[in-house]
Every structure is written in structure tokens, then in C-alpha cells.
Amino acid sequence: MNRGEVTEMCTMALPHELCRLGADAGHALRTPVAALRVELEEARLHRDELDVDALLCRAMDAVARLERVVEQLRLLDDPSYAVEHGHRFGERLRGFHPR
């Protein structure tokens, strides 16, 4: 396969890969948002049984997951950010595998 064929194949695959990356990012963001929504809805429905400390702990866990996803997306989006800050995320990046 010559260089032109490889370039053409990559160009053809790029929109598909971008769509897949977008779908993966959307899923990764929706999961902690859904968890946060469930916690808040349960708290609203069962105020008399509410353990505020436990609720806040679970909500903060969901926010932390959102922050990790945003950090990973930032690293993918901005190569200079990845070079500058990538050392902080090495283990997580090695474990990040979009579909």
C-alpha cells in the first residue's frame, strides 16, 4: 500500500472515529450525571430519611468522575496540555481505552 492509499484510508476513517469518540465521551459524561441525578431525586423524594453526609459523599464521587472524564477529554483535545500536564494522568491515560 502506498502513502497516498494510506492517507486516503485514514481520511475516510476519520469521521467514523470522531463519531465513535464523541459517542464514548457522551456515554462517559452521562454516567456520572445520571448517578448525580438519581442521588438528588432520591433525596428530594425521601427527605425524612436523608443522610446528608452520605448524599454529599456520593454526589462528590459523581463530580470526581465527571472531572476525570473532562481531564481525559482535555488531554485528547489539546496536545500541548497533554505534554504539559500528562505526567499527572499517566496511569489513567494508560487505562483509558475508547471503544
Protein backbone atom coordinates (compact mmCIF):
# COMPACT_ATOMS: atom_id res chain seq x y z
CA MET A 1 0.00 0.00 0.00
CA ASN A 2 1.49 3.33 -0.97
CA ARG A 3 1.47 6.51 1.10
CA GLY A 4 -1.42 8.04 -0.83
CA GLU A 5 -3.60 4.99 -0.24
CA VAL A 6 -2.79 5.05 3.47
CA THR A 7 -3.64 8.76 3.66
CA GLU A 8 -6.91 8.20 1.83
CA MET A 9 -7.84 5.29 4.09
CA CYS A 10 -7.10 7.37 7.20
CA THR A 11 -9.10 10.30 5.83
CA MET A 12 -12.06 8.03 5.15
CA ALA A 13 -11.88 6.53 8.66
CA LEU A 14 -11.52 9.84 10.50
CA PRO A 15 -15.22 10.86 10.55
CA HIS A 16 -16.17 7.42 11.84
CA GLU A 17 -13.52 7.56 14.56
CA LEU A 18 -14.58 11.08 15.57
CA CYS A 19 -18.21 9.95 15.84
CA ARG A 20 -17.15 7.00 17.94
CA LEU A 21 -15.03 9.22 20.18
CA GLY A 22 -17.98 11.59 20.58
CA ALA A 23 -20.28 8.71 21.49
CA ASP A 24 -17.75 7.39 24.01
CA ALA A 25 -17.34 10.84 25.55
CA GLY A 26 -21.09 11.31 25.73
CA HIS A 27 -21.52 7.98 27.46
CA ALA A 28 -18.67 8.69 29.87
CA LEU A 29 -20.25 12.03 30.80
CA ARG A 30 -23.82 10.73 31.04
CA THR A 31 -23.00 8.01 33.57
CA PRO A 32 -21.86 10.26 36.44
CA VAL A 33 -24.53 12.84 35.59
CA ALA A 34 -27.18 10.13 35.84
CA ALA A 35 -25.75 8.98 39.18
CA LEU A 36 -25.87 12.52 40.49
CA ARG A 37 -29.45 12.96 39.27
CA VAL A 38 -30.55 9.73 40.99
CA GLU A 39 -28.98 10.81 44.26
CA LEU A 40 -30.67 14.21 44.15
CA GLU A 41 -34.06 12.81 43.14
CA GLU A 42 -33.91 10.21 45.92
CA ALA A 43 -33.02 12.93 48.41
CA ARG A 44 -35.98 15.03 47.25
CA LEU A 45 -38.39 12.10 47.45
CA HIS A 46 -37.21 10.81 50.83
CA ARG A 47 -36.26 13.95 52.75
CA ASP A 48 -37.27 12.43 56.07
CA GLU A 49 -34.79 9.56 55.59
CA LEU A 50 -31.99 11.73 54.20
CA ASP A 51 -28.44 11.19 55.39
CA VAL A 52 -26.91 14.45 54.22
CA ASP A 53 -23.32 13.36 54.76
CA ALA A 54 -23.80 10.17 52.73
CA LEU A 55 -25.62 12.08 49.99
CA LEU A 56 -22.86 14.65 49.74
CA CYS A 57 -20.20 11.94 49.67
CA ARG A 58 -21.93 10.11 46.79
CA ALA A 59 -22.54 13.38 44.94
CA MET A 60 -18.87 14.33 45.28
CA ASP A 61 -17.90 10.90 43.89
CA ALA A 62 -20.04 11.59 40.82
CA VAL A 63 -18.47 15.03 40.42
CA ALA A 64 -14.98 13.50 40.70
CA ARG A 65 -15.86 11.04 37.90
CA LEU A 66 -17.03 13.95 35.76
CA GLU A 67 -13.79 15.80 36.42
CA ARG A 68 -11.73 12.76 35.38
CA VAL A 69 -13.65 12.45 32.10
CA VAL A 70 -13.21 16.16 31.39
CA GLU A 71 -9.47 15.88 32.12
CA GLN A 72 -9.16 12.95 29.71
CA LEU A 73 -11.06 14.83 27.02
CA ARG A 74 -8.86 17.86 27.56
CA LEU A 75 -5.75 15.73 27.09
CA LEU A 76 -7.17 14.33 23.85
CA ASP A 77 -8.23 17.76 22.62
CA ASP A 78 -5.09 19.78 23.30
CA PRO A 79 -1.71 18.15 22.65
CA SER A 80 0.16 20.98 24.40
CA TYR A 81 -1.97 20.46 27.53
CA ALA A 82 -1.21 16.75 27.34
CA VAL A 83 2.53 17.42 27.15
CA GLU A 84 2.39 19.99 29.94
CA HIS A 85 0.09 18.08 32.31
CA GLY A 86 0.20 14.49 31.07
CA HIS A 87 2.51 13.32 33.83
CA ARG A 88 -0.35 13.83 36.31
CA PHE A 89 -2.61 11.48 34.35
CA GLY A 90 -0.23 8.77 33.19
CA GLU A 91 -1.90 5.84 34.94
CA ARG A 92 -5.40 6.96 34.00
CA LEU A 93 -4.40 7.56 30.39
CA ARG A 94 -2.89 4.10 30.15
CA GLY A 95 -6.24 2.74 31.35
CA PHE A 96 -8.33 4.92 29.02
CA HIS A 97 -9.50 2.88 26.05
CA PRO A 98 -12.24 4.38 23.89
CA ARG A 99 -14.28 1.73 22.11
